[in-house]
Amino acid sequence: MWVLWSVAFDINPPVIPIHDIQVYRLDINRDISSQLRESVVDTVVHLAENNYLVSNTSHQGDSQEQKIQNLQSVLASSVEAGVLILFI
């Protein structure tokens, strides 16, 4: 029997209530493997974008570096948690 369960990670709470989704208020740049394991996640879809950075040209390098760090963290946490499928 398949149980569909969704989890979301964000440093801010959802703008509107979301039903049937476990929301963790965490920065994905940190280790999230224990939450992935706890929620028995087997598939990760990484759509995260840091919309809180200033989008002028002087910060674009920082923004790109942050995206890379976030991706590396999500990948490492997913491997640690035994995630089977990744959509990046």
N, C-alpha and C. Protein backbone atom coordinates (compact mmCIF):
# COMPACT_ATOMS: atom_id res chain seq x y z
N MET A 1 0.84 -1.18 0.00
CA MET A 1 0.00 0.00 0.00
C MET A 1 0.88 1.24 0.00
N TRP A 2 0.63 2.14 -0.92
CA TRP A 2 1.38 3.39 -1.02
C TRP A 2 0.70 4.47 -0.21
N VAL A 3 1.49 5.16 0.55
CA VAL A 3 1.01 6.32 1.29
C VAL A 3 1.72 7.53 0.70
N LEU A 4 0.95 8.44 0.14
CA LEU A 4 1.55 9.65 -0.41
C LEU A 4 1.67 10.67 0.69
N TRP A 5 2.86 11.14 0.87
CA TRP A 5 3.15 12.08 1.94
C TRP A 5 4.08 13.13 1.39
N SER A 6 3.78 14.36 1.62
CA SER A 6 4.63 15.44 1.13
C SER A 6 5.20 16.22 2.30
N VAL A 7 6.44 16.62 2.14
CA VAL A 7 7.08 17.49 3.13
C VAL A 7 7.64 18.69 2.39
N ALA A 8 7.71 19.80 3.10
CA ALA A 8 8.26 21.03 2.54
C ALA A 8 9.21 21.64 3.55
N PHE A 9 10.25 22.27 3.03
CA PHE A 9 11.23 22.95 3.87
C PHE A 9 11.29 24.41 3.45
N ASP A 10 11.20 25.29 4.41
CA ASP A 10 11.34 26.72 4.15
C ASP A 10 11.65 27.41 5.47
N ILE A 11 12.36 28.52 5.38
CA ILE A 11 12.66 29.25 6.61
C ILE A 11 11.47 30.09 7.06
N ASN A 12 10.51 30.30 6.17
CA ASN A 12 9.31 31.06 6.50
C ASN A 12 8.10 30.14 6.48
N PRO A 13 7.08 30.47 7.26
CA PRO A 13 5.87 29.66 7.22
C PRO A 13 5.15 29.83 5.88
N PRO A 14 4.31 28.86 5.50
CA PRO A 14 3.55 29.01 4.25
C PRO A 14 2.68 30.26 4.29
N VAL A 15 2.52 30.89 3.14
CA VAL A 15 1.70 32.09 3.05
C VAL A 15 0.24 31.76 3.33
N ILE A 16 -0.20 30.61 2.85
CA ILE A 16 -1.55 30.13 3.13
C ILE A 16 -1.42 28.72 3.72
N PRO A 17 -2.38 28.29 4.51
CA PRO A 17 -2.32 26.93 5.07
C PRO A 17 -2.30 25.88 3.96
N ILE A 18 -1.46 24.88 4.14
CA ILE A 18 -1.37 23.79 3.17
C ILE A 18 -1.74 22.50 3.89
N HIS A 19 -2.75 21.82 3.38
CA HIS A 19 -3.21 20.59 4.00
C HIS A 19 -2.43 19.39 3.46
N ASP A 20 -2.26 18.40 4.29
CA ASP A 20 -1.59 17.15 3.92
C ASP A 20 -0.12 17.32 3.54
N ILE A 21 0.50 18.35 4.06
CA ILE A 21 1.93 18.55 3.85
C ILE A 21 2.58 18.85 5.19
N GLN A 22 3.61 18.09 5.52
CA GLN A 22 4.40 18.35 6.72
C GLN A 22 5.38 19.46 6.39
N VAL A 23 5.29 20.58 7.07
CA VAL A 23 6.16 21.72 6.81
C VAL A 23 7.21 21.82 7.90
N TYR A 24 8.47 21.86 7.48
CA TYR A 24 9.59 22.07 8.40
C TYR A 24 10.14 23.46 8.15
N ARG A 25 10.18 24.27 9.18
CA ARG A 25 10.74 25.62 9.04
C ARG A 25 12.24 25.54 9.28
N LEU A 26 12.93 25.13 8.24
CA LEU A 26 14.38 24.94 8.29
C LEU A 26 15.01 25.50 7.03
N ASP A 27 16.26 25.88 7.16
CA ASP A 27 17.06 26.31 6.02
C ASP A 27 17.62 25.07 5.34
N ILE A 28 17.38 24.91 4.05
CA ILE A 28 17.87 23.72 3.35
C ILE A 28 19.38 23.72 3.20
N ASN A 29 20.02 24.80 3.57
CA ASN A 29 21.48 24.84 3.55
C ASN A 29 22.05 24.07 4.74
N ARG A 30 21.21 23.64 5.64
CA ARG A 30 21.60 22.83 6.79
C ARG A 30 21.24 21.36 6.50
N ASP A 31 21.71 20.47 7.34
CA ASP A 31 21.40 19.04 7.20
C ASP A 31 19.92 18.80 7.48
N ILE A 32 19.21 18.26 6.50
CA ILE A 32 17.79 17.95 6.66
C ILE A 32 17.55 16.43 6.59
N SER A 33 18.62 15.65 6.68
CA SER A 33 18.49 14.20 6.51
C SER A 33 17.61 13.55 7.57
N SER A 34 17.67 14.02 8.81
CA SER A 34 16.85 13.39 9.85
C SER A 34 15.36 13.63 9.58
N GLN A 35 15.00 14.80 9.07
CA GLN A 35 13.60 15.08 8.74
C GLN A 35 13.16 14.25 7.53
N LEU A 36 14.05 14.08 6.57
CA LEU A 36 13.72 13.24 5.41
C LEU A 36 13.49 11.79 5.85
N ARG A 37 14.37 11.29 6.72
CA ARG A 37 14.22 9.91 7.24
C ARG A 37 12.95 9.78 8.06
N GLU A 38 12.71 10.74 8.96
CA GLU A 38 11.54 10.70 9.84
C GLU A 38 10.24 10.66 9.03
N SER A 39 10.22 11.36 7.92
CA SER A 39 9.03 11.42 7.08
C SER A 39 9.02 10.35 5.99
N VAL A 40 10.02 9.46 6.01
CA VAL A 40 10.15 8.35 5.07
C VAL A 40 10.04 8.87 3.62
N VAL A 41 10.83 9.86 3.32
CA VAL A 41 10.84 10.46 1.98
C VAL A 41 11.69 9.60 1.05
N ASP A 42 11.14 9.23 -0.11
CA ASP A 42 11.93 8.47 -1.08
C ASP A 42 12.19 9.27 -2.36
N THR A 43 11.53 10.42 -2.51
CA THR A 43 11.71 11.27 -3.69
C THR A 43 11.84 12.72 -3.24
N VAL A 44 12.85 13.40 -3.76
CA VAL A 44 13.04 14.82 -3.46
C VAL A 44 12.95 15.61 -4.76
N VAL A 45 12.14 16.66 -4.72
CA VAL A 45 12.05 17.61 -5.83
C VAL A 45 12.59 18.93 -5.29
N HIS A 46 13.74 19.33 -5.79
CA HIS A 46 14.41 20.54 -5.28
C HIS A 46 14.03 21.72 -6.16
N LEU A 47 13.14 22.58 -5.64
CA LEU A 47 12.69 23.76 -6.37
C LEU A 47 13.09 25.04 -5.67
N ALA A 48 13.86 24.91 -4.64
CA ALA A 48 14.15 26.05 -3.77
C ALA A 48 14.87 27.17 -4.49
N GLU A 49 14.45 28.34 -4.17
CA GLU A 49 15.08 29.56 -4.67
C GLU A 49 15.04 30.55 -3.53
N ASN A 50 16.15 31.16 -3.27
CA ASN A 50 16.18 32.14 -2.19
C ASN A 50 15.69 33.47 -2.72
N ASN A 51 14.41 33.74 -2.51
CA ASN A 51 13.81 34.98 -2.98
C ASN A 51 14.06 36.14 -2.05
N TYR A 52 14.82 35.92 -1.01
CA TYR A 52 15.02 36.95 -0.01
C TYR A 52 16.30 37.74 -0.26
N LEU A 53 17.09 37.29 -1.25
CA LEU A 53 18.31 38.03 -1.58
C LEU A 53 17.98 39.21 -2.47
N VAL A 54 18.72 40.26 -2.31
CA VAL A 54 18.55 41.42 -3.19
C VAL A 54 19.00 41.02 -4.59
N SER A 55 18.23 41.39 -5.60
CA SER A 55 18.52 40.90 -6.95
C SER A 55 19.25 41.91 -7.82
N ASN A 56 20.10 42.73 -7.25
CA ASN A 56 20.89 43.62 -8.11
C ASN A 56 22.18 42.91 -8.53
N THR A 57 22.86 43.47 -9.48
CA THR A 57 24.01 42.78 -10.08
C THR A 57 25.16 42.55 -9.11
N SER A 58 25.31 43.39 -8.11
CA SER A 58 26.43 43.21 -7.17
C SER A 58 26.25 41.98 -6.29
N HIS A 59 25.02 41.44 -6.21
CA HIS A 59 24.77 40.27 -5.37
C HIS A 59 24.55 38.99 -6.18
N GLN A 60 24.64 39.07 -7.50
CA GLN A 60 24.37 37.89 -8.32
C GLN A 60 25.37 36.77 -8.07
N GLY A 61 26.63 37.10 -7.86
CA GLY A 61 27.63 36.07 -7.56
C GLY A 61 27.33 35.39 -6.25
N ASP A 62 26.95 36.16 -5.24
CA ASP A 62 26.57 35.59 -3.94
C ASP A 62 25.35 34.70 -4.09
N SER A 63 24.38 35.14 -4.87
CA SER A 63 23.17 34.37 -5.08
C SER A 63 23.48 33.04 -5.76
N GLN A 64 24.32 33.06 -6.77
CA GLN A 64 24.70 31.83 -7.47
C GLN A 64 25.44 30.88 -6.53
N GLU A 65 26.35 31.41 -5.74
CA GLU A 65 27.09 30.60 -4.77
C GLU A 65 26.13 29.98 -3.75
N GLN A 66 25.15 30.73 -3.30
CA GLN A 66 24.17 30.22 -2.34
C GLN A 66 23.34 29.10 -2.96
N LYS A 67 22.95 29.25 -4.21
CA LYS A 67 22.19 28.20 -4.90
C LYS A 67 23.00 26.91 -4.97
N ILE A 68 24.29 27.03 -5.26
CA ILE A 68 25.16 25.86 -5.33
C ILE A 68 25.29 25.21 -3.95
N GLN A 69 25.49 26.01 -2.92
CA GLN A 69 25.58 25.47 -1.55
C GLN A 69 24.29 24.77 -1.15
N ASN A 70 23.14 25.38 -1.47
CA ASN A 70 21.85 24.76 -1.15
C ASN A 70 21.70 23.43 -1.87
N LEU A 71 22.05 23.39 -3.15
CA LEU A 71 21.96 22.16 -3.91
C LEU A 71 22.85 21.08 -3.32
N GLN A 72 24.09 21.42 -2.98
CA GLN A 72 25.01 20.45 -2.38
C GLN A 72 24.46 19.93 -1.06
N SER A 73 23.87 20.80 -0.27
CA SER A 73 23.31 20.39 1.01
C SER A 73 22.12 19.45 0.82
N VAL A 74 21.23 19.79 -0.11
CA VAL A 74 20.07 18.93 -0.38
C VAL A 74 20.53 17.56 -0.89
N LEU A 75 21.51 17.55 -1.78
CA LEU A 75 22.03 16.28 -2.29
C LEU A 75 22.65 15.44 -1.18
N ALA A 76 23.48 16.05 -0.34
CA ALA A 76 24.12 15.32 0.76
C ALA A 76 23.09 14.79 1.74
N SER A 77 22.11 15.59 2.10
CA SER A 77 21.07 15.15 3.02
C SER A 77 20.24 14.03 2.42
N SER A 78 19.96 14.12 1.12
CA SER A 78 19.17 13.09 0.45
C SER A 78 19.91 11.76 0.42
N VAL A 79 21.19 11.80 0.12
CA VAL A 79 22.00 10.57 0.13
C VAL A 79 22.04 9.99 1.53
N GLU A 80 22.28 10.83 2.52
CA GLU A 80 22.33 10.39 3.92
C GLU A 80 21.02 9.73 4.35
N ALA A 81 19.89 10.26 3.87
CA ALA A 81 18.58 9.76 4.27
C ALA A 81 18.11 8.57 3.44
N GLY A 82 18.88 8.21 2.41
CA GLY A 82 18.49 7.07 1.58
C GLY A 82 17.42 7.39 0.56
N VAL A 83 17.33 8.64 0.16
CA VAL A 83 16.37 9.04 -0.87
C VAL A 83 16.72 8.33 -2.17
N LEU A 84 15.71 7.80 -2.86
CA LEU A 84 15.94 7.02 -4.07
C LEU A 84 15.90 7.84 -5.35
N ILE A 85 15.07 8.89 -5.38
CA ILE A 85 14.87 9.67 -6.60
C ILE A 85 15.05 11.14 -6.30
N LEU A 86 15.82 11.82 -7.15
CA LEU A 86 16.04 13.26 -7.02
C LEU A 86 15.66 13.96 -8.31
N PHE A 87 14.86 15.01 -8.21
CA PHE A 87 14.58 15.90 -9.33
C PHE A 87 15.19 17.24 -8.97
N ILE A 88 16.16 17.66 -9.74
CA ILE A 88 16.87 18.90 -9.43
C ILE A 88 16.59 19.92 -10.52
